[in-house]
């Protein structure tokens, strides 16, 4: 819940503490700021800018003017200048002020500025500081609970994203491992097949072919044939030497 409250000059400090010129600038700045907030559906940038200029002039007169500094931070916030409003609210929160409700409001609006720039942890700390000065402020309690819940959601989303990335990395690693194991298996199968083919070729080379005789057997067969041929020749020679016998029987 965004709660911007102007600190009106005569509610926060006695008239004697301000010069006439400071009061003039702050009153004019408050009028410009109030006119800018008449229509809640639009942002009157021109009037907020006018208020900013007038508050800065009051601060030039008195740099320690808490009200002018606080209202300047609010005018910056309304213009969407959240980085500037954050720095200004931080400066205001560090200024001396005995009114704890005013200090609490400065911390509350500092938390709102942090929310606009998505600095949830800083916003939570600012709201806690606000409650330390005004423990019963419902709007601050609401904003604190909202910021804490939003921070938890972001952390859970970050954890889920991290888990998702880790799972993707693991899946990629598993896939690479499976691909490597598949390649290793195919390579091993190819090597086994080549080894098997090599062994088969060696076995075929060592196995005697059908109808093929060894050199020793061939020599024995050749020697036997030569011996047989020698015997035949000797028989032929004998038959040539011995005359044939004639028959002496006559035919009657």
C-alpha atoms as a PDB file:
ATOM      1  CA  UNK A   1       0.000   0.000   0.000  1.00  0.00           C
ATOM      2  CA  UNK A   2       1.526   3.305  -1.106  1.00  0.00           C
ATOM      3  CA  UNK A   3       1.045   6.006   1.486  1.00  0.00           C
ATOM      4  CA  UNK A   4       2.446   9.472   0.799  1.00  0.00           C
ATOM      5  CA  UNK A   5       1.806  12.087   3.451  1.00  0.00           C
ATOM      6  CA  UNK A   6       3.049  15.656   3.342  1.00  0.00           C
ATOM      7  CA  UNK A   7       4.409  17.086   6.542  1.00  0.00           C
ATOM      8  CA  UNK A   8       2.730  20.462   6.855  1.00  0.00           C
ATOM      9  CA  UNK A   9       5.000  23.108   8.216  1.00  0.00           C
ATOM     10  CA  UNK A  10       2.982  24.294  11.191  1.00  0.00           C
ATOM     11  CA  UNK A  11       2.236  20.722  12.337  1.00  0.00           C
ATOM     12  CA  UNK A  12       5.854  19.642  12.619  1.00  0.00           C
ATOM     13  CA  UNK A  13       7.823  22.555  14.011  1.00  0.00           C
ATOM     14  CA  UNK A  14       7.311  26.000  15.536  1.00  0.00           C
ATOM     15  CA  UNK A  15       7.229  29.053  13.366  1.00  0.00           C
ATOM     16  CA  UNK A  16      10.192  30.573  15.119  1.00  0.00           C
ATOM     17  CA  UNK A  17      12.519  27.913  13.683  1.00  0.00           C
ATOM     18  CA  UNK A  18      11.982  29.025  10.103  1.00  0.00           C
ATOM     19  CA  UNK A  19      12.720  32.126   8.179  1.00  0.00           C
ATOM     20  CA  UNK A  20       9.950  33.843   6.309  1.00  0.00           C
ATOM     21  CA  UNK A  21      11.455  32.799   2.961  1.00  0.00           C
ATOM     22  CA  UNK A  22      11.638  29.095   3.884  1.00  0.00           C
ATOM     23  CA  UNK A  23       7.977  29.095   4.949  1.00  0.00           C
ATOM     24  CA  UNK A  24       7.045  30.746   1.706  1.00  0.00           C
ATOM     25  CA  UNK A  25       8.740  28.131  -0.463  1.00  0.00           C
ATOM     26  CA  UNK A  26       7.340  25.221   1.531  1.00  0.00           C
ATOM     27  CA  UNK A  27       3.773  26.599   1.489  1.00  0.00           C
ATOM     28  CA  UNK A  28       3.947  27.140  -2.268  1.00  0.00           C
ATOM     29  CA  UNK A  29       5.399  23.672  -2.739  1.00  0.00           C
ATOM     30  CA  UNK A  30       2.610  22.143  -0.659  1.00  0.00           C
ATOM     31  CA  UNK A  31      -0.032  23.933  -2.728  1.00  0.00           C
ATOM     32  CA  UNK A  32       1.477  22.663  -5.988  1.00  0.00           C
ATOM     33  CA  UNK A  33       1.718  19.158  -4.556  1.00  0.00           C
ATOM     34  CA  UNK A  34      -1.892  19.204  -3.314  1.00  0.00           C
ATOM     35  CA  UNK A  35      -3.202  20.405  -6.681  1.00  0.00           C
ATOM     36  CA  UNK A  36      -1.297  17.625  -8.422  1.00  0.00           C
ATOM     37  CA  UNK A  37      -3.097  15.010  -6.303  1.00  0.00           C
ATOM     38  CA  UNK A  38      -6.641  16.218  -7.038  1.00  0.00           C
ATOM     39  CA  UNK A  39      -7.103  13.813  -9.942  1.00  0.00           C
ATOM     40  CA  UNK A  40      -5.994  10.382  -8.742  1.00  0.00           C
ATOM     41  CA  UNK A  41      -6.298   8.884 -12.243  1.00  0.00           C
ATOM     42  CA  UNK A  42      -3.619  11.055 -13.818  1.00  0.00           C
ATOM     43  CA  UNK A  43      -0.151  12.218 -12.821  1.00  0.00           C
ATOM     44  CA  UNK A  44       0.239  15.992 -12.999  1.00  0.00           C
ATOM     45  CA  UNK A  45       3.947  15.938 -13.737  1.00  0.00           C
ATOM     46  CA  UNK A  46       4.160  19.721 -14.135  1.00  0.00           C
ATOM     47  CA  UNK A  47       2.815  20.481 -10.661  1.00  0.00           C
ATOM     48  CA  UNK A  48       4.993  17.825  -9.054  1.00  0.00           C
ATOM     49  CA  UNK A  49       7.991  19.369 -10.800  1.00  0.00           C
ATOM     50  CA  UNK A  50       6.967  22.814  -9.550  1.00  0.00           C
ATOM     51  CA  UNK A  51       6.705  21.432  -6.023  1.00  0.00           C
ATOM     52  CA  UNK A  52      10.150  19.859  -6.375  1.00  0.00           C
ATOM     53  CA  UNK A  53      11.688  23.177  -7.408  1.00  0.00           C
ATOM     54  CA  UNK A  54      10.086  25.013  -4.494  1.00  0.00           C
ATOM     55  CA  UNK A  55      11.189  22.416  -1.935  1.00  0.00           C
ATOM     56  CA  UNK A  56      14.746  22.593  -3.278  1.00  0.00           C
ATOM     57  CA  UNK A  57      14.710  26.359  -2.829  1.00  0.00           C
ATOM     58  CA  UNK A  58      13.611  25.913   0.783  1.00  0.00           C
ATOM     59  CA  UNK A  59      16.481  23.457   1.332  1.00  0.00           C
ATOM     60  CA  UNK A  60      18.915  25.983  -0.122  1.00  0.00           C
ATOM     61  CA  UNK A  61      17.795  28.326   2.631  1.00  0.00           C
ATOM     62  CA  UNK A  62      18.181  25.619   5.273  1.00  0.00           C
ATOM     63  CA  UNK A  63      19.830  22.307   4.297  1.00  0.00           C
ATOM     64  CA  UNK A  64      18.689  20.749   7.599  1.00  0.00           C
ATOM     65  CA  UNK A  65      15.019  21.512   7.020  1.00  0.00           C
ATOM     66  CA  UNK A  66      13.445  18.107   7.641  1.00  0.00           C
ATOM     67  CA  UNK A  67       9.980  18.961   6.273  1.00  0.00           C
ATOM     68  CA  UNK A  68      11.296  20.384   2.993  1.00  0.00           C
ATOM     69  CA  UNK A  69      13.609  17.393   2.532  1.00  0.00           C
ATOM     70  CA  UNK A  70      10.819  14.908   3.219  1.00  0.00           C
ATOM     71  CA  UNK A  71       8.337  16.620   0.884  1.00  0.00           C
ATOM     72  CA  UNK A  72      11.025  16.828  -1.813  1.00  0.00           C
ATOM     73  CA  UNK A  73      11.455  13.046  -1.603  1.00  0.00           C
ATOM     74  CA  UNK A  74       7.678  12.617  -2.003  1.00  0.00           C
ATOM     75  CA  UNK A  75       7.565  14.867  -5.081  1.00  0.00           C
ATOM     76  CA  UNK A  76      10.393  12.872  -6.674  1.00  0.00           C
ATOM     77  CA  UNK A  77       8.558   9.628  -5.938  1.00  0.00           C
ATOM     78  CA  UNK A  78       5.362  10.947  -7.552  1.00  0.00           C
ATOM     79  CA  UNK A  79       7.310  11.797 -10.712  1.00  0.00           C
ATOM     80  CA  UNK A  80       8.599   8.241 -10.949  1.00  0.00           C
ATOM     81  CA  UNK A  81      12.167   9.292 -10.126  1.00  0.00           C
ATOM     82  CA  UNK A  82      12.577   6.310  -7.821  1.00  0.00           C
ATOM     83  CA  UNK A  83      16.372   6.241  -7.656  1.00  0.00           C
ATOM     84  CA  UNK A  84      16.421   9.906  -6.628  1.00  0.00           C
ATOM     85  CA  UNK A  85      13.533   9.519  -4.197  1.00  0.00           C
ATOM     86  CA  UNK A  86      15.298   6.549  -2.584  1.00  0.00           C
ATOM     87  CA  UNK A  87      18.435   8.590  -1.961  1.00  0.00           C
ATOM     88  CA  UNK A  88      16.364  11.499  -0.655  1.00  0.00           C
ATOM     89  CA  UNK A  89      14.321   9.329   1.742  1.00  0.00           C
ATOM     90  CA  UNK A  90      17.562   7.760   2.992  1.00  0.00           C
ATOM     91  CA  UNK A  91      18.906  11.230   3.715  1.00  0.00           C
ATOM     92  CA  UNK A  92      15.686  12.231   5.480  1.00  0.00           C
ATOM     93  CA  UNK A  93      15.630   9.059   7.582  1.00  0.00           C
ATOM     94  CA  UNK A  94      19.124   9.927   8.810  1.00  0.00           C
ATOM     95  CA  UNK A  95      18.220  13.468   9.810  1.00  0.00           C
ATOM     96  CA  UNK A  96      17.467  14.446  13.393  1.00  0.00           C
ATOM     97  CA  UNK A  97      13.751  14.355  14.198  1.00  0.00           C
ATOM     98  CA  UNK A  98      12.216  13.707  17.616  1.00  0.00           C
ATOM     99  CA  UNK A  99       8.822  12.881  16.108  1.00  0.00           C
ATOM    100  CA  UNK A 100       8.924   9.096  15.740  1.00  0.00           C
ATOM    101  CA  UNK A 101       5.795   9.014  13.599  1.00  0.00           C
ATOM    102  CA  UNK A 102       7.457  11.304  11.059  1.00  0.00           C
ATOM    103  CA  UNK A 103      10.601   9.151  11.079  1.00  0.00           C
ATOM    104  CA  UNK A 104       8.462   6.037  10.673  1.00  0.00           C
ATOM    105  CA  UNK A 105       6.752   7.624   7.659  1.00  0.00           C
ATOM    106  CA  UNK A 106      10.117   8.428   6.097  1.00  0.00           C
ATOM    107  CA  UNK A 107      11.216   4.796   6.435  1.00  0.00           C
ATOM    108  CA  UNK A 108       7.830   3.622   5.128  1.00  0.00           C
ATOM    109  CA  UNK A 109       8.177   5.699   1.967  1.00  0.00           C
ATOM    110  CA  UNK A 110      11.814   4.614   1.654  1.00  0.00           C
ATOM    111  CA  UNK A 111      10.520   1.034   1.563  1.00  0.00           C
ATOM    112  CA  UNK A 112       8.063   2.030  -1.165  1.00  0.00           C
ATOM    113  CA  UNK A 113      10.907   3.504  -3.232  1.00  0.00           C
ATOM    114  CA  UNK A 114      12.909   0.297  -2.873  1.00  0.00           C
ATOM    115  CA  UNK A 115       9.872  -1.712  -3.999  1.00  0.00           C
ATOM    116  CA  UNK A 116       9.628   0.333  -7.188  1.00  0.00           C
ATOM    117  CA  UNK A 117      13.168  -0.715  -8.108  1.00  0.00           C
ATOM    118  CA  UNK A 118      12.537  -4.335  -7.046  1.00  0.00           C
ATOM    119  CA  UNK A 119      14.991  -4.156  -4.141  1.00  0.00           C
ATOM    120  CA  UNK A 120      12.898  -6.353  -1.884  1.00  0.00           C
ATOM    121  CA  UNK A 121      15.461  -7.056   0.827  1.00  0.00           C
ATOM    122  CA  UNK A 122      16.160  -3.334   1.244  1.00  0.00           C
ATOM    123  CA  UNK A 123      12.425  -2.578   1.263  1.00  0.00           C
ATOM    124  CA  UNK A 124      11.844  -5.166   3.995  1.00  0.00           C
ATOM    125  CA  UNK A 125      14.554  -3.623   6.168  1.00  0.00           C
ATOM    126  CA  UNK A 126      13.081  -0.125   5.639  1.00  0.00           C
ATOM    127  CA  UNK A 127       9.609  -1.304   6.689  1.00  0.00           C
ATOM    128  CA  UNK A 128      11.092  -2.932   9.796  1.00  0.00           C
ATOM    129  CA  UNK A 129      12.766   0.355  10.696  1.00  0.00           C
ATOM    130  CA  UNK A 130       9.446   2.096  10.198  1.00  0.00           C
ATOM    131  CA  UNK A 131       7.729  -0.303  12.595  1.00  0.00           C
ATOM    132  CA  UNK A 132      10.479   0.204  15.163  1.00  0.00           C
ATOM    133  CA  UNK A 133       9.390   3.847  15.313  1.00  0.00           C
ATOM    134  CA  UNK A 134       5.659   3.198  14.938  1.00  0.00           C
ATOM    135  CA  UNK A 135       4.831  -0.458  15.745  1.00  0.00           C
ATOM    136  CA  UNK A 136       1.074  -0.074  15.213  1.00  0.00           C
ATOM    137  CA  UNK A 137       1.104   1.244  11.620  1.00  0.00           C
ATOM    138  CA  UNK A 138      -1.121  -1.173   9.678  1.00  0.00           C
ATOM    139  CA  UNK A 139      -0.038   0.036   6.222  1.00  0.00           C
ATOM    140  CA  UNK A 140       3.617  -0.634   7.026  1.00  0.00           C
ATOM    141  CA  UNK A 141       2.773  -4.096   8.379  1.00  0.00           C
ATOM    142  CA  UNK A 142       0.854  -4.850   5.203  1.00  0.00           C
ATOM    143  CA  UNK A 143       3.680  -3.654   2.940  1.00  0.00           C
ATOM    144  CA  UNK A 144       6.228  -5.610   4.976  1.00  0.00           C
ATOM    145  CA  UNK A 145       4.213  -8.837   4.656  1.00  0.00           C
ATOM    146  CA  UNK A 146       3.730  -8.246   0.922  1.00  0.00           C
ATOM    147  CA  UNK A 147       7.461  -7.651   0.340  1.00  0.00           C
ATOM    148  CA  UNK A 148       8.429 -10.731   2.367  1.00  0.00           C
ATOM    149  CA  UNK A 149       5.974 -12.891   0.424  1.00  0.00           C
ATOM    150  CA  UNK A 150       7.242 -11.499  -2.889  1.00  0.00           C
ATOM    151  CA  UNK A 151      10.846 -12.174  -1.880  1.00  0.00           C
ATOM    152  CA  UNK A 152       9.985 -15.771  -0.949  1.00  0.00           C
ATOM    153  CA  UNK A 153       8.308 -16.264  -4.328  1.00  0.00           C
ATOM    154  CA  UNK A 154      11.376 -14.948  -6.143  1.00  0.00           C
ATOM    155  CA  UNK A 155      13.703 -17.171  -4.134  1.00  0.00           C
ATOM    156  CA  UNK A 156      11.520 -20.216  -4.826  1.00  0.00           C
ATOM    157  CA  UNK A 157      11.484 -19.360  -8.526  1.00  0.00           C
ATOM    158  CA  UNK A 158      15.258 -18.985  -8.515  1.00  0.00           C
ATOM    159  CA  UNK A 159      15.601 -22.355  -6.785  1.00  0.00           C
ATOM    160  CA  UNK A 160      13.282 -23.952  -9.351  1.00  0.00           C
ATOM    161  CA  UNK A 161      15.235 -22.386 -12.196  1.00  0.00           C
ATOM    162  CA  UNK A 162      18.480 -23.630 -10.655  1.00  0.00           C
ATOM    163  CA  UNK A 163      17.037 -27.132 -10.249  1.00  0.00           C
ATOM    164  CA  UNK A 164      15.813 -27.016 -13.831  1.00  0.00           C
ATOM    165  CA  UNK A 165      19.254 -25.969 -15.070  1.00  0.00           C
ATOM    166  CA  UNK A 166      20.880 -28.672 -12.952  1.00  0.00           C
ATOM    167  CA  UNK A 167      18.483 -31.260 -14.402  1.00  0.00           C
ATOM    168  CA  UNK A 168      19.238 -30.084 -17.921  1.00  0.00           C
ATOM    169  CA  UNK A 169      22.955 -30.335 -17.241  1.00  0.00           C
ATOM    170  CA  UNK A 170      22.519 -33.818 -15.790  1.00  0.00           C
ATOM    171  CA  UNK A 171      20.384 -34.924 -18.745  1.00  0.00           C
ATOM    172  CA  UNK A 172      23.018 -33.590 -21.123  1.00  0.00           C
ATOM    173  CA  UNK A 173      25.768 -35.379 -19.215  1.00  0.00           C
ATOM    174  CA  UNK A 174      23.737 -38.616 -19.185  1.00  0.00           C
ATOM    175  CA  UNK A 175      23.126 -38.337 -22.918  1.00  0.00           C
ATOM    176  CA  UNK A 176      26.805 -37.723 -23.604  1.00  0.00           C
ATOM    177  CA  UNK A 177      27.709 -40.700 -21.419  1.00  0.00           C
ATOM    178  CA  UNK A 178      25.193 -42.933 -23.198  1.00  0.00           C
ATOM    179  CA  UNK A 179      26.470 -41.801 -26.599  1.00  0.00           C
ATOM    180  CA  UNK A 180      30.038 -42.520 -25.527  1.00  0.00           C
ATOM    181  CA  UNK A 181      29.116 -45.978 -24.201  1.00  0.00           C
ATOM    182  CA  UNK A 182      27.283 -46.691 -27.449  1.00  0.00           C
ATOM    183  CA  UNK A 183      30.299 -45.639 -29.510  1.00  0.00           C
ATOM    184  CA  UNK A 184      32.621 -47.709 -27.307  1.00  0.00           C
ATOM    185  CA  UNK A 185      30.348 -50.727 -27.687  1.00  0.00           C
ATOM    186  CA  UNK A 186      30.200 -50.370 -31.459  1.00  0.00           C
ATOM    187  CA  UNK A 187      33.973 -49.974 -31.599  1.00  0.00           C
ATOM    188  CA  UNK A 188      34.476 -53.077 -29.445  1.00  0.00           C
ATOM    189  CA  UNK A 189      32.032 -55.093 -31.564  1.00  0.00           C
ATOM    190  CA  UNK A 190      33.917 -54.036 -34.670  1.00  0.00           C
ATOM    191  CA  UNK A 191      37.218 -55.085 -33.111  1.00  0.00           C
ATOM    192  CA  UNK A 192      35.753 -58.434 -32.039  1.00  0.00           C
ATOM    193  CA  UNK A 193      34.430 -59.045 -35.532  1.00  0.00           C
ATOM    194  CA  UNK A 194      37.792 -58.224 -37.081  1.00  0.00           C
ATOM    195  CA  UNK A 195      39.534 -60.550 -34.634  1.00  0.00           C
ATOM    196  CA  UNK A 196      37.073 -63.323 -35.394  1.00  0.00           C
ATOM    197  CA  UNK A 197      37.596 -62.922 -39.134  1.00  0.00           C
ATOM    198  CA  UNK A 198      41.346 -62.988 -38.632  1.00  0.00           C
ATOM    199  CA  UNK A 199      41.174 -66.197 -36.603  1.00  0.00           C
ATOM    200  CA  UNK A 200      38.959 -67.812 -39.236  1.00  0.00           C
ATOM    201  CA  UNK A 201      41.466 -66.914 -41.947  1.00  0.00           C
ATOM    202  CA  UNK A 202      44.303 -68.421 -39.919  1.00  0.00           C
ATOM    203  CA  UNK A 203      42.331 -71.607 -39.341  1.00  0.00           C
ATOM    204  CA  UNK A 204      41.592 -71.896 -43.044  1.00  0.00           C
ATOM    205  CA  UNK A 205      45.258 -71.459 -43.892  1.00  0.00           C
ATOM    206  CA  UNK A 206      46.349 -74.127 -41.390  1.00  0.00           C
ATOM    207  CA  UNK A 207      43.652 -76.680 -42.367  1.00  0.00           C
ATOM    208  CA  UNK A 208      44.771 -79.118 -45.165  1.00  0.00           C
ATOM    209  CA  UNK A 209      42.761 -78.853 -48.316  1.00  0.00           C
ATOM    210  CA  UNK A 210      40.706 -81.839 -49.490  1.00  0.00           C
ATOM    211  CA  UNK A 211      42.633 -84.270 -51.733  1.00  0.00           C
ATOM    212  CA  UNK A 212      45.812 -82.475 -50.834  1.00  0.00           C
ATOM    213  CA  UNK A 213      48.698 -84.628 -49.529  1.00  0.00           C
ATOM    214  CA  UNK A 214      51.732 -83.619 -47.630  1.00  0.00           C
ATOM    215  CA  UNK A 215      55.187 -83.455 -49.169  1.00  0.00           C
ATOM    216  CA  UNK A 216      56.335 -86.555 -47.258  1.00  0.00           C
ATOM    217  CA  UNK A 217      53.377 -88.605 -48.498  1.00  0.00           C
ATOM    218  CA  UNK A 218      54.027 -87.459 -52.033  1.00  0.00           C
ATOM    219  CA  UNK A 219      57.674 -88.569 -51.797  1.00  0.00           C
ATOM    220  CA  UNK A 220      56.678 -92.004 -50.471  1.00  0.00           C
ATOM    221  CA  UNK A 221      54.120 -92.469 -53.218  1.00  0.00           C
ATOM    222  CA  UNK A 222      56.632 -91.400 -55.850  1.00  0.00           C
ATOM    223  CA  UNK A 223      59.233 -93.771 -54.433  1.00  0.00           C
ATOM    224  CA  UNK A 224      56.732 -96.660 -54.443  1.00  0.00           C
ATOM    225  CA  UNK A 225      55.817 -95.937 -58.026  1.00  0.00           C
ATOM    226  CA  UNK A 226      59.461 -95.915 -58.992  1.00  0.00           C
ATOM    227  CA  UNK A 227      59.990 -99.270 -57.251  1.00  0.00           C
ATOM    228  CA  UNK A 228      57.008-100.795 -59.034  1.00  0.00           C
ATOM    229  CA  UNK A 229      58.264 -99.543 -62.334  1.00  0.00           C
ATOM    230  CA  UNK A 230      61.678-101.043 -61.629  1.00  0.00           C
ATOM    231  CA  UNK A 231      60.173-104.439 -60.867  1.00  0.00           C
ATOM    232  CA  UNK A 232      58.137-104.354 -64.060  1.00  0.00           C
ATOM    233  CA  UNK A 233      61.198-103.532 -66.095  1.00  0.00           C
ATOM    234  CA  UNK A 234      63.119-106.383 -64.509  1.00  0.00           C
ATOM    235  CA  UNK A 235      60.362-108.803 -65.343  1.00  0.00           C
ATOM    236  CA  UNK A 236      60.338-107.623 -68.911  1.00  0.00           C
ATOM    237  CA  UNK A 237      64.064-108.100 -69.154  1.00  0.00           C
ATOM    238  CA  UNK A 238      63.806-111.642 -67.855  1.00  0.00           C
ATOM    239  CA  UNK A 239      61.158-112.500 -70.344  1.00  0.00           C
ATOM    240  CA  UNK A 240      63.382-111.295 -73.165  1.00  0.00           C
ATOM    241  CA  UNK A 241      66.340-113.438 -72.057  1.00  0.00           C
ATOM    242  CA  UNK A 242      64.585-116.788 -71.588  1.00  0.00           C
ATOM    243  CA  UNK A 243      63.588-118.559 -74.918  1.00  0.00           C
ATOM    244  CA  UNK A 244      60.125-119.814 -75.365  1.00  0.00           C
ATOM    245  CA  UNK A 245      59.664-123.575 -75.159  1.00  0.00           C
ATOM    246  CA  UNK A 246      58.301-125.328 -78.254  1.00  0.00           C
ATOM    247  CA  UNK A 247      55.820-128.097 -78.023  1.00  0.00           C
ATOM    248  CA  UNK A 248      57.167-131.502 -79.189  1.00  0.00           C
ATOM    249  CA  UNK A 249      53.820-133.153 -79.417  1.00  0.00           C
ATOM    250  CA  UNK A 250      52.740-133.960 -82.904  1.00  0.00           C
ATOM    251  CA  UNK A 251      49.321-134.006 -84.171  1.00  0.00           C
ATOM    252  CA  UNK A 252      48.346-137.299 -85.341  1.00  0.00           C
END
